[in-house]
C-alpha atoms as a PDB file:
ATOM      1  CA  MET A   1     211.701-234.893 -76.852  1.00  0.00           C
ATOM      2  CA  SER A   2     210.514-233.363 -79.672  1.00  0.00           C
ATOM      3  CA  ASP A   3     208.726-229.718 -80.118  1.00  0.00           C
ATOM      4  CA  GLU A   4     205.742-231.893 -81.269  1.00  0.00           C
ATOM      5  CA  GLU A   5     205.660-234.015 -78.040  1.00  0.00           C
ATOM      6  CA  LEU A   6     206.395-231.034 -75.705  1.00  0.00           C
ATOM      7  CA  GLY A   7     203.167-229.139 -77.645  1.00  0.00           C
ATOM      8  CA  GLU A   8     201.207-232.284 -76.646  1.00  0.00           C
ATOM      9  CA  VAL A   9     201.540-231.796 -73.079  1.00  0.00           C
ATOM     10  CA  GLY A  10     198.945-228.847 -73.224  1.00  0.00           C
ATOM     11  CA  LYS A  11     196.313-231.095 -73.946  1.00  0.00           C
ATOM     12  CA  ALA A  12     196.606-232.816 -70.249  1.00  0.00           C
ATOM     13  CA  ARG A  13     193.211-233.070 -68.830  1.00  0.00           C
ATOM     14  CA  HIS A  14     193.035-231.361 -65.296  1.00  0.00           C
ATOM     15  CA  ALA A  15     190.535-231.954 -62.541  1.00  0.00           C
ATOM     16  CA  ALA A  16     190.632-230.769 -58.742  1.00  0.00           C
ATOM     17  CA  ILE A  17     190.276-233.884 -56.333  1.00  0.00           C
ATOM     18  CA  PHE A  18     190.034-233.719 -52.800  1.00  0.00           C
ATOM     19  CA  SER A  19     189.643-230.000 -52.684  1.00  0.00           C
ATOM     20  CA  THR A  20     188.289-228.483 -49.528  1.00  0.00           C
ATOM     21  CA  PRO A  21     185.165-226.204 -49.601  1.00  0.00           C
ATOM     22  CA  LEU A  22     184.915-223.124 -47.678  1.00  0.00           C
ATOM     23  CA  PHE A  23     181.835-220.773 -47.360  1.00  0.00           C
ATOM     24  CA  THR A  24     181.620-217.468 -45.837  1.00  0.00           C
ATOM     25  CA  HIS A  25     178.171-215.165 -45.919  1.00  0.00           C
ATOM     26  CA  ALA A  26     177.645-211.862 -44.208  1.00  0.00           C
ATOM     27  CA  TRP A  27     174.313-211.638 -43.035  1.00  0.00           C
ATOM     28  CA  ASP A  28     174.041-207.678 -43.368  1.00  0.00           C
ATOM     29  CA  GLY A  29     171.686-205.323 -41.378  1.00  0.00           C
ATOM     30  CA  ASP A  30     171.158-207.671 -38.411  1.00  0.00           C
ATOM     31  CA  HIS A  31     172.544-205.325 -35.744  1.00  0.00           C
ATOM     32  CA  GLU A  32     169.231-205.896 -33.556  1.00  0.00           C
ATOM     33  CA  LEU A  33     169.564-209.783 -34.058  1.00  0.00           C
ATOM     34  CA  ASN A  34     173.044-209.635 -32.896  1.00  0.00           C
ATOM     35  CA  ALA A  35     172.225-207.066 -30.004  1.00  0.00           C
ATOM     36  CA  VAL A  36     169.546-209.685 -28.693  1.00  0.00           C
ATOM     37  CA  LEU A  37     171.625-212.688 -29.088  1.00  0.00           C
ATOM     38  CA  ARG A  38     174.466-211.064 -26.960  1.00  0.00           C
ATOM     39  CA  GLU A  39     172.182-210.187 -24.536  1.00  0.00           C
ATOM     40  CA  ARG A  40     170.726-213.402 -24.232  1.00  0.00           C
ATOM     41  CA  ILE A  41     174.010-215.459 -24.400  1.00  0.00           C
ATOM     42  CA  LEU A  42     175.834-213.292 -21.871  1.00  0.00           C
ATOM     43  CA  ASP A  43     172.692-213.462 -19.592  1.00  0.00           C
ATOM     44  CA  HIS A  44     172.829-217.375 -19.745  1.00  0.00           C
ATOM     45  CA  MET A  45     176.477-217.322 -19.312  1.00  0.00           C
ATOM     46  CA  ALA A  46     175.704-215.661 -16.118  1.00  0.00           C
ATOM     47  CA  ARG A  47     173.471-218.385 -14.782  1.00  0.00           C
ATOM     48  CA  GLN A  48     175.278-221.346 -16.051  1.00  0.00           C
ATOM     49  CA  ARG A  49     178.956-222.470 -15.513  1.00  0.00           C
ATOM     50  CA  GLY A  50     179.566-224.004 -18.758  1.00  0.00           C
ATOM     51  CA  VAL A  51     181.674-226.445 -20.296  1.00  0.00           C
ATOM     52  CA  ALA A  52     185.350-227.288 -21.068  1.00  0.00           C
ATOM     53  CA  LYS A  53     185.843-228.429 -24.618  1.00  0.00           C
ATOM     54  CA  SER A  54     188.332-226.631 -26.950  1.00  0.00           C
ATOM     55  CA  ASN A  55     188.301-223.799 -24.935  1.00  0.00           C
ATOM     56  CA  ARG A  56     191.174-222.484 -22.968  1.00  0.00           C
ATOM     57  CA  GLY A  57     189.402-220.087 -20.383  1.00  0.00           C
ATOM     58  CA  GLY A  58     186.455-218.406 -21.835  1.00  0.00           C
ATOM     59  CA  TRP A  59     182.795-219.650 -21.620  1.00  0.00           C
ATOM     60  CA  HIS A  60     181.645-222.661 -23.658  1.00  0.00           C
ATOM     61  CA  SER A  61     177.500-223.241 -23.453  1.00  0.00           C
ATOM     62  CA  GLU A  62     175.709-226.628 -23.451  1.00  0.00           C
ATOM     63  CA  ILE A  63     175.288-227.952 -26.764  1.00  0.00           C
ATOM     64  CA  GLY A  64     171.711-227.867 -28.262  1.00  0.00           C
ATOM     65  CA  GLU A  65     169.804-225.514 -30.620  1.00  0.00           C
ATOM     66  CA  LEU A  66     170.123-222.344 -28.701  1.00  0.00           C
ATOM     67  CA  GLU A  67     167.184-222.774 -26.812  1.00  0.00           C
ATOM     68  CA  PHE A  68     168.440-220.420 -24.317  1.00  0.00           C
ATOM     69  CA  CYS A  69     168.280-217.613 -26.993  1.00  0.00           C
ATOM     70  CA  ASP A  70     164.365-218.335 -27.766  1.00  0.00           C
ATOM     71  CA  ALA A  71     163.251-216.840 -30.911  1.00  0.00           C
ATOM     72  CA  PRO A  72     166.527-215.148 -32.127  1.00  0.00           C
ATOM     73  CA  GLY A  73     168.116-218.488 -31.829  1.00  0.00           C
ATOM     74  CA  ARG A  74     165.590-220.237 -33.668  1.00  0.00           C
ATOM     75  CA  ARG A  75     166.257-217.525 -36.427  1.00  0.00           C
ATOM     76  CA  LEU A  76     169.864-218.218 -36.680  1.00  0.00           C
ATOM     77  CA  VAL A  77     169.729-221.892 -36.471  1.00  0.00           C
ATOM     78  CA  ALA A  78     167.186-221.549 -39.601  1.00  0.00           C
ATOM     79  CA  ARG A  79     170.265-219.606 -41.491  1.00  0.00           C
ATOM     80  CA  MET A  80     172.567-222.410 -40.238  1.00  0.00           C
ATOM     81  CA  ARG A  81     170.300-224.850 -42.448  1.00  0.00           C
ATOM     82  CA  ALA A  82     169.913-222.591 -45.350  1.00  0.00           C
ATOM     83  CA  LEU A  83     173.738-221.928 -45.491  1.00  0.00           C
ATOM     84  CA  GLY A  84     174.211-225.803 -45.308  1.00  0.00           C
ATOM     85  CA  ASP A  85     171.886-226.062 -48.197  1.00  0.00           C
ATOM     86  CA  GLU A  86     173.313-223.828 -50.519  1.00  0.00           C
ATOM     87  CA  ALA A  87     176.939-224.922 -49.665  1.00  0.00           C
ATOM     88  CA  THR A  88     175.704-228.505 -50.511  1.00  0.00           C
ATOM     89  CA  ARG A  89     173.825-227.658 -53.656  1.00  0.00           C
ATOM     90  CA  ARG A  90     177.347-225.967 -55.144  1.00  0.00           C
ATOM     91  CA  VAL A  91     179.395-228.778 -53.795  1.00  0.00           C
ATOM     92  CA  LEU A  92     177.245-231.452 -55.614  1.00  0.00           C
ATOM     93  CA  ALA A  93     176.142-229.423 -58.609  1.00  0.00           C
ATOM     94  CA  ALA A  94     178.655-231.437 -60.744  1.00  0.00           C
ATOM     95  CA  ASP A  95     177.103-234.712 -59.852  1.00  0.00           C
ATOM     96  CA  GLN A  96     173.810-234.871 -61.125  1.00  0.00           C
ATOM     97  CA  GLN A  97     172.813-238.258 -59.513  1.00  0.00           C
ATOM     98  CA  ARG A  98     173.032-237.080 -56.247  1.00  0.00           C
ATOM     99  CA  GLU A  99     170.329-235.043 -54.096  1.00  0.00           C
ATOM    100  CA  SER A 100     171.620-231.879 -52.568  1.00  0.00           C
ATOM    101  CA  ALA A 101     168.527-231.127 -50.541  1.00  0.00           C
ATOM    102  CA  MET A 102     169.321-232.558 -46.979  1.00  0.00           C
ATOM    103  CA  ARG A 103     167.643-232.852 -43.764  1.00  0.00           C
ATOM    104  CA  TRP A 104     169.747-231.263 -41.376  1.00  0.00           C
ATOM    105  CA  SER A 105     170.341-232.254 -37.572  1.00  0.00           C
ATOM    106  CA  VAL A 106     171.858-229.180 -35.960  1.00  0.00           C
ATOM    107  CA  THR A 107     173.919-228.894 -32.877  1.00  0.00           C
ATOM    108  CA  ALA A 108     175.031-225.423 -31.521  1.00  0.00           C
ATOM    109  CA  TRP A 109     176.747-223.709 -28.646  1.00  0.00           C
ATOM    110  CA  ALA A 110     177.776-220.142 -27.588  1.00  0.00           C
ATOM    111  CA  ASN A 111     181.443-219.029 -27.179  1.00  0.00           C
ATOM    112  CA  VAL A 112     182.413-216.103 -25.038  1.00  0.00           C
ATOM    113  CA  ASN A 113     185.918-215.245 -24.818  1.00  0.00           C
ATOM    114  CA  ARG A 114     187.614-212.272 -23.059  1.00  0.00           C
ATOM    115  CA  GLN A 115     191.314-211.124 -22.722  1.00  0.00           C
ATOM    116  CA  GLY A 116     193.734-214.040 -23.367  1.00  0.00           C
ATOM    117  CA  ASP A 117     190.948-216.633 -23.838  1.00  0.00           C
ATOM    118  CA  PHE A 118     191.512-218.923 -27.053  1.00  0.00           C
ATOM    119  CA  ASN A 119     190.501-222.203 -28.508  1.00  0.00           C
ATOM    120  CA  ALA A 120     193.066-224.776 -29.118  1.00  0.00           C
ATOM    121  CA  VAL A 121     193.269-226.808 -32.469  1.00  0.00           C
ATOM    122  CA  HIS A 122     190.637-229.268 -32.869  1.00  0.00           C
ATOM    123  CA  VAL A 123     188.057-230.842 -35.332  1.00  0.00           C
ATOM    124  CA  HIS A 124     184.318-231.762 -35.097  1.00  0.00           C
ATOM    125  CA  PRO A 125     184.248-235.255 -36.168  1.00  0.00           C
ATOM    126  CA  GLY A 126     181.097-237.139 -37.233  1.00  0.00           C
ATOM    127  CA  SER A 127     179.217-234.237 -38.784  1.00  0.00           C
ATOM    128  CA  THR A 128     179.343-233.038 -42.547  1.00  0.00           C
ATOM    129  CA  TRP A 129     179.484-229.154 -42.073  1.00  0.00           C
ATOM    130  CA  SER A 130     181.006-227.171 -39.022  1.00  0.00           C
ATOM    131  CA  GLY A 131     180.717-223.476 -38.763  1.00  0.00           C
ATOM    132  CA  THR A 132     180.922-220.125 -36.630  1.00  0.00           C
ATOM    133  CA  TYR A 133     178.704-217.033 -36.347  1.00  0.00           C
ATOM    134  CA  TYR A 134     179.953-214.194 -35.020  1.00  0.00           C
ATOM    135  CA  VAL A 135     177.663-212.040 -32.787  1.00  0.00           C
ATOM    136  CA  ASP A 136     180.452-209.585 -31.544  1.00  0.00           C
ATOM    137  CA  ALA A 137     184.150-209.080 -32.471  1.00  0.00           C
ATOM    138  CA  GLY A 138     185.060-207.924 -28.871  1.00  0.00           C
ATOM    139  CA  GLU A 139     186.686-204.828 -29.722  1.00  0.00           C
ATOM    140  CA  PRO A 140     189.942-206.165 -30.683  1.00  0.00           C
ATOM    141  CA  VAL A 141     193.366-204.252 -30.258  1.00  0.00           C
ATOM    142  CA  ASP A 142     194.194-205.256 -33.782  1.00  0.00           C
ATOM    143  CA  ALA A 143     191.207-203.614 -35.559  1.00  0.00           C
ATOM    144  CA  ASP A 144     192.164-204.991 -39.062  1.00  0.00           C
ATOM    145  CA  ASN A 145     192.669-208.593 -38.467  1.00  0.00           C
ATOM    146  CA  GLY A 146     190.683-208.824 -35.108  1.00  0.00           C
ATOM    147  CA  THR A 147     191.139-212.000 -32.792  1.00  0.00           C
ATOM    148  CA  SER A 148     191.056-214.673 -35.869  1.00  0.00           C
ATOM    149  CA  LEU A 149     190.017-217.928 -36.506  1.00  0.00           C
ATOM    150  CA  GLN A 150     192.472-219.959 -38.285  1.00  0.00           C
ATOM    151  CA  LEU A 151     191.586-222.992 -40.603  1.00  0.00           C
ATOM    152  CA  PHE A 152     194.410-225.618 -41.364  1.00  0.00           C
ATOM    153  CA  ASP A 153     194.621-227.671 -44.491  1.00  0.00           C
ATOM    154  CA  PRO A 154     193.632-231.161 -43.398  1.00  0.00           C
ATOM    155  CA  CYS A 155     196.106-232.735 -45.754  1.00  0.00           C
ATOM    156  CA  GLN A 156     199.303-231.001 -44.033  1.00  0.00           C
ATOM    157  CA  GLY A 157     201.572-233.066 -46.255  1.00  0.00           C
ATOM    158  CA  ARG A 158     200.611-230.580 -48.863  1.00  0.00           C
ATOM    159  CA  SER A 159     202.647-227.911 -47.222  1.00  0.00           C
ATOM    160  CA  THR A 160     205.802-230.080 -47.304  1.00  0.00           C
ATOM    161  CA  LEU A 161     205.932-229.830 -51.016  1.00  0.00           C
ATOM    162  CA  TYR A 162     208.189-227.495 -53.083  1.00  0.00           C
ATOM    163  CA  PRO A 163     206.413-225.454 -54.294  1.00  0.00           C
ATOM    164  CA  PRO A 164     203.553-225.776 -51.902  1.00  0.00           C
ATOM    165  CA  LEU A 165     200.352-226.704 -53.578  1.00  0.00           C
ATOM    166  CA  GLY A 166     198.340-224.420 -51.697  1.00  0.00           C
ATOM    167  CA  PRO A 167     198.548-222.534 -48.396  1.00  0.00           C
ATOM    168  CA  ALA A 168     198.924-224.489 -45.266  1.00  0.00           C
ATOM    169  CA  SER A 169     196.169-222.312 -43.191  1.00  0.00           C
ATOM    170  CA  VAL A 170     193.762-219.524 -43.871  1.00  0.00           C
ATOM    171  CA  TYR A 171     192.608-216.727 -41.443  1.00  0.00           C
ATOM    172  CA  ILE A 172     189.062-215.677 -41.187  1.00  0.00           C
ATOM    173  CA  ARG A 173     188.352-212.097 -39.626  1.00  0.00           C
ATOM    174  CA  PRO A 174     185.297-212.005 -37.003  1.00  0.00           C
ATOM    175  CA  LYS A 175     182.910-209.827 -38.073  1.00  0.00           C
ATOM    176  CA  PRO A 176     179.429-209.279 -36.517  1.00  0.00           C
ATOM    177  CA  GLY A 177     176.913-211.148 -38.753  1.00  0.00           C
ATOM    178  CA  LEU A 178     179.570-213.194 -40.591  1.00  0.00           C
ATOM    179  CA  MET A 179     178.890-216.910 -41.046  1.00  0.00           C
ATOM    180  CA  VAL A 180     181.535-219.257 -42.016  1.00  0.00           C
ATOM    181  CA  LEU A 181     181.178-223.045 -43.003  1.00  0.00           C
ATOM    182  CA  PHE A 182     183.454-225.608 -43.616  1.00  0.00           C
ATOM    183  CA  PRO A 183     183.757-229.678 -43.666  1.00  0.00           C
ATOM    184  CA  SER A 184     183.901-230.793 -40.123  1.00  0.00           C
ATOM    185  CA  TYR A 185     187.191-232.584 -40.732  1.00  0.00           C
ATOM    186  CA  VAL A 186     188.933-229.361 -41.069  1.00  0.00           C
ATOM    187  CA  PRO A 187     191.350-228.523 -37.915  1.00  0.00           C
ATOM    188  CA  HIS A 188     191.025-225.017 -36.714  1.00  0.00           C
ATOM    189  CA  MET A 189     191.786-223.017 -33.768  1.00  0.00           C
ATOM    190  CA  VAL A 190     191.017-219.291 -32.272  1.00  0.00           C
ATOM    191  CA  PHE A 191     193.991-216.975 -31.126  1.00  0.00           C
ATOM    192  CA  PRO A 192     193.907-215.558 -27.810  1.00  0.00           C
ATOM    193  CA  HIS A 193     191.523-212.644 -27.527  1.00  0.00           C
ATOM    194  CA  ASP A 194     193.186-209.158 -27.097  1.00  0.00           C
ATOM    195  CA  GLY A 195     190.482-206.856 -26.955  1.00  0.00           C
ATOM    196  CA  ALA A 196     188.354-204.931 -24.264  1.00  0.00           C
ATOM    197  CA  GLY A 197     185.024-206.386 -25.037  1.00  0.00           C
ATOM    198  CA  ALA A 198     183.880-210.162 -25.143  1.00  0.00           C
ATOM    199  CA  ARG A 199     184.185-211.919 -28.371  1.00  0.00           C
ATOM    200  CA  ILE A 200     181.007-213.820 -28.785  1.00  0.00           C
ATOM    201  CA  SER A 201     180.343-216.597 -31.341  1.00  0.00           C
ATOM    202  CA  VAL A 202     177.759-219.301 -32.191  1.00  0.00           C
ATOM    203  CA  ALA A 203     179.881-222.578 -33.202  1.00  0.00           C
ATOM    204  CA  PHE A 204     177.601-225.364 -34.865  1.00  0.00           C
ATOM    205  CA  ASN A 205     177.663-228.497 -36.560  1.00  0.00           C
ATOM    206  CA  LEU A 206     175.298-229.977 -39.377  1.00  0.00           C
ATOM    207  CA  SER A 207     174.766-233.583 -39.837  1.00  0.00           C
ATOM    208  CA  GLY A 208     172.664-234.217 -43.132  1.00  0.00           C
ATOM    209  CA  GLN A 209     170.266-237.186 -44.250  1.00  0.00           C
ATOM    210  CA  PRO A 210     168.915-237.388 -47.673  1.00  0.00           C
ATOM    211  CA  GLN A 211     165.518-235.829 -47.780  1.00  0.00           C
ATOM    212  CA  SER A 212     162.782-238.915 -48.056  1.00  0.00           C
END
């Protein structure tokens, strides 16, 4: 191949296809909100048995819109919708023919993990976005990393290539006030909690329909 032909390869077009968006946002300065959410969640846990889903040990509340948290729960649900709007707007920004404003149906539930409790690998099928909000990190022994959320590449075939075309998984360190948002098809898990306090999070799904 000639030098001229080799030089032509520099003009190759590049596009990222089938990428997986991940959004994180820290709602700072909300110690009071998190304190109230923590109190309402632990009080509800004391009165309700909870359900078994991906949790292995720990407590998983019923699914709804955090009605048992009253006004603080409604405030948090509003934030879920706001981040869903922003994430959808950014993802669809290149497609001017599509409407990014959505009407979101929200389902949410609280998770409380204590020493040794974890969540097995799972997905949330049938939704647009899934996410987690951290109320309390639970005084983890490993303060630098906490009890991490692990997100896996939904196309595990990429990790078998050499060199691999991107990481096989990423880790999210829990921090009070942090909200994480990702497509519902992304597999994820929570490591066994190793901490003196309760690790409290609120998981949620956003299912969208275009605004009429």
